[in-house]
Amino acid sequence: MDARPAATATASAARRFAVGAGLLLRGFGLWRTRPALMLLGMLPPLIVFSGGVALLVAAAFGLGPLVTWATPFADGWDPAWSALLRGALGALVFVGLVAIGVLAFTGLTLAIGDPFYERIWRETEVLLGDAPAGEGLGFGRALRDALVLVVAGIGVGALVFVIGLIPVVGGIAGTVIGTVLSGRILAAELVTRPLEARGIGRRESRELLRGSRAEQLGFGVATQLLFLVPLGAIVTMPAAVSGATLLARRALDRDPHHRARREADPPRQPGAER
């Protein structure tokens, strides 16, 4: 069997994954051109991050007693094996809590900072030309989406915990799968705003982004990993909003219907008379 088509497809997916991660880096470029706006975009994540870190620290201190209470069968084991089991379970629970925390952080930050992030994605659109006339989601809708992200985070956290119970490979597999799933959900949520401003709902967005899955995953995983760096989420969040706008634009440029509309009504430069 000729393995070349499979190898070519894998290489192509890897390139698109890298392009998606690069969109986040391009989002950081807005720090150079619009630093005041990006600083403003740091305020919501700073507020949410402060509360989130406090909760994670409290959870970390409470994990030991909780795991000990949940594993009474290990009380009679050799102390080394008992400590190993409980340490591994505690680590898995903490990884699951981090997965929940990242998605909850994103949802709450977007809800609180919706007016700020609307300005960021709109400024990105203006710099690229052909900015949409639509507005942000509004606090009520953003809060509802935040709750959906929290529920998704709980699902990912539970899955990470279950996978982590697999002997030997479970810890690594659970961490990798949790990062990938969280990154995908994160990217899907961030790209919603610039698309909905163009009148494209969530169902249509999923269809539109079907051809950009590798790029979407690369963008989401890169964002997720930077969120895990100490204080990285605060600096990354405004750049992620801008990068998601770039991701939405790439998906739109691939769509034949959108291209036809643009050809029929070419984009005007900001400030040009209509």
Protein backbone atom coordinates (compact mmCIF):
# COMPACT_ATOMS: atom_id res chain seq x y z
CA MET A 1 0.00 0.00 0.00
CA ASP A 2 1.29 3.44 -0.94
CA ALA A 3 1.73 5.44 2.25
CA ARG A 4 2.47 8.70 0.44
CA PRO A 5 -1.13 10.07 0.39
CA ALA A 6 -1.46 9.49 4.15
CA ALA A 7 1.92 11.09 4.80
CA THR A 8 1.00 14.05 2.61
CA ALA A 9 -2.33 14.51 4.41
CA THR A 10 -0.58 14.33 7.79
CA ALA A 11 2.01 16.90 6.72
CA SER A 12 -0.73 19.18 5.39
CA ALA A 13 -2.67 18.93 8.66
CA ALA A 14 0.49 19.67 10.62
CA ARG A 15 1.14 22.78 8.50
CA ARG A 16 -2.42 24.01 9.02
CA PHE A 17 -2.08 23.32 12.76
CA ALA A 18 1.06 25.47 12.80
CA VAL A 19 -0.74 28.20 10.83
CA GLY A 20 -3.49 28.22 13.46
CA ALA A 21 -0.95 28.61 16.25
CA GLY A 22 0.65 31.40 14.21
CA LEU A 23 -2.66 33.28 14.16
CA LEU A 24 -2.38 33.66 17.93
CA LEU A 25 1.10 35.11 17.49
CA ARG A 26 -0.27 37.52 14.90
CA GLY A 27 -2.90 38.52 17.45
CA PHE A 28 -0.08 39.62 19.74
CA GLY A 29 0.87 42.06 16.96
CA LEU A 30 -2.00 44.27 18.09
CA TRP A 31 0.06 45.03 21.19
CA ARG A 32 2.41 46.94 18.90
CA THR A 33 -0.22 48.92 17.00
CA ARG A 34 -2.94 49.35 19.66
CA PRO A 35 -1.23 49.00 23.08
CA ALA A 36 -3.80 51.07 25.00
CA LEU A 37 -6.66 48.94 23.68
CA MET A 38 -4.84 45.72 24.55
CA LEU A 39 -4.07 46.98 28.06
CA LEU A 40 -7.78 47.66 28.47
CA GLY A 41 -8.43 44.09 27.38
CA MET A 42 -6.25 42.83 30.25
CA LEU A 43 -8.60 44.15 32.93
CA PRO A 44 -11.34 41.46 32.68
CA PRO A 45 -8.91 38.49 32.73
CA LEU A 46 -7.03 40.08 35.63
CA ILE A 47 -10.24 40.24 37.67
CA VAL A 48 -11.34 36.69 36.83
CA PHE A 49 -7.82 35.27 37.12
CA SER A 50 -7.40 36.60 40.66
CA GLY A 51 -10.53 34.79 41.83
CA GLY A 52 -9.71 31.66 39.85
CA VAL A 53 -6.22 31.30 41.29
CA ALA A 54 -7.59 31.63 44.80
CA LEU A 55 -10.06 28.82 44.12
CA LEU A 56 -7.40 26.55 42.58
CA VAL A 57 -5.03 27.10 45.51
CA ALA A 58 -7.83 26.29 47.95
CA ALA A 59 -8.68 23.18 45.91
CA ALA A 60 -5.02 22.08 45.86
CA PHE A 61 -4.81 22.26 49.66
CA GLY A 62 -8.06 20.33 49.99
CA LEU A 63 -7.18 17.56 47.54
CA GLY A 64 -5.09 15.53 49.98
CA PRO A 65 -7.81 15.01 52.59
CA LEU A 66 -10.43 14.52 49.87
CA VAL A 67 -8.44 11.80 48.08
CA THR A 68 -7.63 10.10 51.40
CA TRP A 69 -11.33 10.10 52.31
CA ALA A 70 -12.26 8.68 48.87
CA THR A 71 -9.73 5.82 49.06
CA PRO A 72 -10.24 4.11 52.43
CA PHE A 73 -9.34 0.77 50.83
CA ALA A 74 -5.72 1.97 50.59
CA ASP A 75 -5.36 2.52 54.34
CA GLY A 76 -3.99 -0.98 54.88
CA TRP A 77 -1.59 -0.87 51.92
CA ASP A 78 2.15 -0.41 52.09
CA PRO A 79 2.67 3.34 52.76
CA ALA A 80 4.68 3.80 49.55
CA TRP A 81 1.96 2.27 47.33
CA SER A 82 -0.78 4.13 49.18
CA ALA A 83 1.04 7.44 48.75
CA LEU A 84 1.66 6.69 45.05
CA LEU A 85 -2.01 5.91 44.39
CA ARG A 86 -3.31 8.93 46.26
CA GLY A 87 -0.72 11.24 44.74
CA ALA A 88 -1.66 10.10 41.21
CA LEU A 89 -5.38 10.51 41.89
CA GLY A 90 -4.81 13.95 43.39
CA ALA A 91 -2.82 15.00 40.32
CA LEU A 92 -5.58 13.75 38.01
CA VAL A 93 -8.25 15.64 39.94
CA PHE A 94 -6.13 18.79 39.79
CA VAL A 95 -5.62 18.43 36.00
CA GLY A 96 -9.37 18.07 35.64
CA LEU A 97 -9.93 21.17 37.77
CA VAL A 98 -7.49 23.09 35.57
CA ALA A 99 -9.43 22.04 32.45
CA ILE A 100 -12.64 23.26 34.07
CA GLY A 101 -10.89 26.41 35.25
CA VAL A 102 -9.53 27.39 31.83
CA LEU A 103 -12.91 27.15 30.12
CA ALA A 104 -14.71 28.81 33.02
CA PHE A 105 -12.07 31.56 32.98
CA THR A 106 -12.59 32.11 29.26
CA GLY A 107 -16.36 32.23 29.52
CA LEU A 108 -16.47 34.58 32.50
CA THR A 109 -13.77 36.82 31.04
CA LEU A 110 -15.63 37.13 27.75
CA ALA A 111 -18.87 37.85 29.61
CA ILE A 112 -17.37 40.55 31.82
CA GLY A 113 -15.19 42.03 29.11
CA ASP A 114 -17.57 41.77 26.14
CA PRO A 115 -17.53 45.56 25.44
CA PHE A 116 -13.71 45.59 25.58
CA TYR A 117 -13.31 42.54 23.38
CA GLU A 118 -15.82 43.84 20.89
CA ARG A 119 -13.51 46.82 20.41
CA ILE A 120 -10.51 44.51 19.95
CA TRP A 121 -12.05 42.22 17.33
CA ARG A 122 -13.62 45.19 15.59
CA GLU A 123 -10.27 47.01 15.48
CA THR A 124 -8.73 43.90 13.98
CA GLU A 125 -11.48 43.84 11.35
CA VAL A 126 -10.97 47.54 10.59
CA LEU A 127 -7.23 47.04 10.10
CA LEU A 128 -7.97 44.21 7.64
CA GLY A 129 -10.79 46.09 5.88
CA ASP A 130 -14.40 45.00 5.24
CA ALA A 131 -15.38 45.30 8.92
CA PRO A 132 -18.90 44.00 9.73
CA ALA A 133 -21.62 46.30 11.01
CA GLY A 134 -22.87 43.85 13.68
CA GLU A 135 -22.38 44.39 17.40
CA GLY A 136 -21.21 42.24 20.32
CA LEU A 137 -23.29 39.56 21.99
CA GLY A 138 -24.35 41.64 24.99
CA PHE A 139 -23.86 40.71 28.65
CA GLY A 140 -26.89 38.40 28.94
CA ARG A 141 -25.93 36.28 25.96
CA ALA A 142 -22.25 36.32 26.94
CA LEU A 143 -23.13 35.14 30.46
CA ARG A 144 -25.23 32.30 29.06
CA ASP A 145 -22.32 31.25 26.85
CA ALA A 146 -20.05 31.41 29.90
CA LEU A 147 -22.28 28.92 31.73
CA VAL A 148 -22.18 26.61 28.70
CA LEU A 149 -18.37 26.75 28.79
CA VAL A 150 -18.37 25.89 32.50
CA VAL A 151 -20.52 22.81 31.79
CA ALA A 152 -18.19 21.84 28.93
CA GLY A 153 -15.23 22.26 31.25
CA ILE A 154 -16.82 19.93 33.80
CA GLY A 155 -17.30 17.33 31.05
CA VAL A 156 -13.67 17.63 29.94
CA GLY A 157 -12.46 17.46 33.54
CA ALA A 158 -14.47 14.29 34.19
CA LEU A 159 -13.13 12.70 30.99
CA VAL A 160 -9.55 13.57 31.93
CA PHE A 161 -10.05 11.94 35.32
CA VAL A 162 -11.50 8.74 33.85
CA ILE A 163 -8.75 8.44 31.22
CA GLY A 164 -6.15 9.11 33.89
CA LEU A 165 -7.23 5.95 35.70
CA ILE A 166 -5.75 3.84 32.87
CA PRO A 167 -2.56 2.26 34.23
CA VAL A 168 0.84 3.59 33.07
CA VAL A 169 -0.29 5.83 30.18
CA GLY A 170 -3.41 7.32 31.73
CA GLY A 171 -1.82 10.42 33.25
CA ILE A 172 -0.10 11.53 30.06
CA ALA A 173 -3.02 10.56 27.81
CA GLY A 174 -5.51 12.38 30.03
CA THR A 175 -3.42 15.55 30.06
CA VAL A 176 -2.95 15.54 26.27
CA ILE A 177 -6.60 14.79 25.51
CA GLY A 178 -7.73 17.40 28.03
CA THR A 179 -5.51 20.03 26.43
CA VAL A 180 -6.73 19.20 22.92
CA LEU A 181 -10.41 19.16 23.84
CA SER A 182 -10.18 22.34 25.91
CA GLY A 183 -8.27 24.07 23.11
CA ARG A 184 -10.87 23.10 20.53
CA ILE A 185 -13.76 24.33 22.69
CA LEU A 186 -11.83 27.50 23.50
CA ALA A 187 -11.18 28.31 19.85
CA ALA A 188 -14.80 27.62 18.87
CA GLU A 189 -16.03 30.05 21.51
CA LEU A 190 -13.57 32.82 20.65
CA VAL A 191 -14.29 32.67 16.92
CA THR A 192 -18.04 32.96 17.52
CA ARG A 193 -18.03 36.71 18.12
CA PRO A 194 -16.55 37.98 14.84
CA LEU A 195 -18.71 35.51 12.91
CA GLU A 196 -21.96 36.40 14.67
CA ALA A 197 -21.27 40.06 13.96
CA ARG A 198 -21.64 39.05 10.29
CA GLY A 199 -24.96 37.34 10.98
CA ILE A 200 -23.46 33.83 11.05
CA GLY A 201 -24.95 31.73 13.84
CA ARG A 202 -23.28 28.88 15.71
CA ARG A 203 -24.63 26.14 13.46
CA GLU A 204 -23.48 27.97 10.34
CA SER A 205 -20.16 28.69 12.04
CA ARG A 206 -19.53 24.99 12.55
CA GLU A 207 -20.17 24.36 8.86
CA LEU A 208 -17.96 27.29 7.86
CA LEU A 209 -15.09 26.16 10.07
CA ARG A 210 -15.26 22.54 8.94
CA GLY A 211 -12.46 23.16 6.44
CA SER A 212 -10.34 24.94 9.09
CA ARG A 213 -10.37 22.31 11.83
CA ALA A 214 -6.58 21.86 11.94
CA GLU A 215 -6.05 25.62 12.08
CA GLN A 216 -8.75 25.98 14.72
CA LEU A 217 -7.13 23.23 16.80
CA GLY A 218 -3.67 24.78 16.45
CA PHE A 219 -4.99 28.15 17.53
CA GLY A 220 -6.94 26.68 20.46
CA VAL A 221 -4.12 24.47 21.76
CA ALA A 222 -1.60 27.32 21.55
CA THR A 223 -3.99 29.58 23.46
CA GLN A 224 -4.67 26.86 26.04
CA LEU A 225 -0.96 26.27 26.65
CA LEU A 226 -0.24 29.97 27.09
CA PHE A 227 -3.16 30.19 29.52
CA LEU A 228 -1.34 27.64 31.69
CA VAL A 229 1.78 29.82 31.95
CA PRO A 230 1.76 31.90 35.16
CA LEU A 231 -0.03 35.18 34.36
CA GLY A 232 -0.06 34.11 30.70
CA ALA A 233 -3.84 34.15 30.50
CA ILE A 234 -3.98 37.86 31.36
CA VAL A 235 -1.64 38.89 28.55
CA THR A 236 -2.88 36.27 26.06
CA MET A 237 -6.63 36.90 26.28
CA PRO A 238 -6.69 40.16 24.24
CA ALA A 239 -4.35 38.61 21.65
CA ALA A 240 -6.56 35.51 21.47
CA VAL A 241 -9.59 37.67 20.66
CA SER A 242 -7.65 39.31 17.82
CA GLY A 243 -6.25 35.96 16.63
CA ALA A 244 -9.73 34.43 16.60
CA THR A 245 -10.85 37.27 14.34
CA LEU A 246 -8.03 36.37 11.94
CA LEU A 247 -9.13 32.73 12.08
CA ALA A 248 -12.70 33.73 11.24
CA ARG A 249 -11.46 35.81 8.29
CA ARG A 250 -9.45 32.89 6.90
CA ALA A 251 -12.51 30.63 7.10
CA LEU A 252 -14.65 33.27 5.37
CA ASP A 253 -12.10 33.71 2.61
CA ARG A 254 -12.37 29.98 1.85
CA ASP A 255 -16.16 30.10 1.67
CA PRO A 256 -17.35 30.48 -1.97
CA HIS A 257 -20.57 32.26 -0.97
CA HIS A 258 -18.67 34.86 1.05
CA ARG A 259 -16.18 35.36 -1.76
CA ALA A 260 -19.04 35.90 -4.20
CA ARG A 261 -20.56 38.54 -1.91
CA ARG A 262 -17.23 40.30 -1.58
CA GLU A 263 -16.76 40.34 -5.34
CA ALA A 264 -20.25 41.75 -5.78
CA ASP A 265 -19.65 44.40 -3.10
CA PRO A 266 -15.87 44.95 -2.78
CA PRO A 267 -14.65 45.94 0.71
CA ARG A 268 -14.07 49.63 1.27
CA GLN A 269 -11.21 51.04 3.24
CA PRO A 270 -12.06 52.50 6.66
CA GLY A 271 -13.21 56.08 6.24
CA ALA A 272 -14.04 55.73 2.56
CA GLU A 273 -17.33 57.22 1.41
CA ARG A 274 -20.14 54.84 0.62
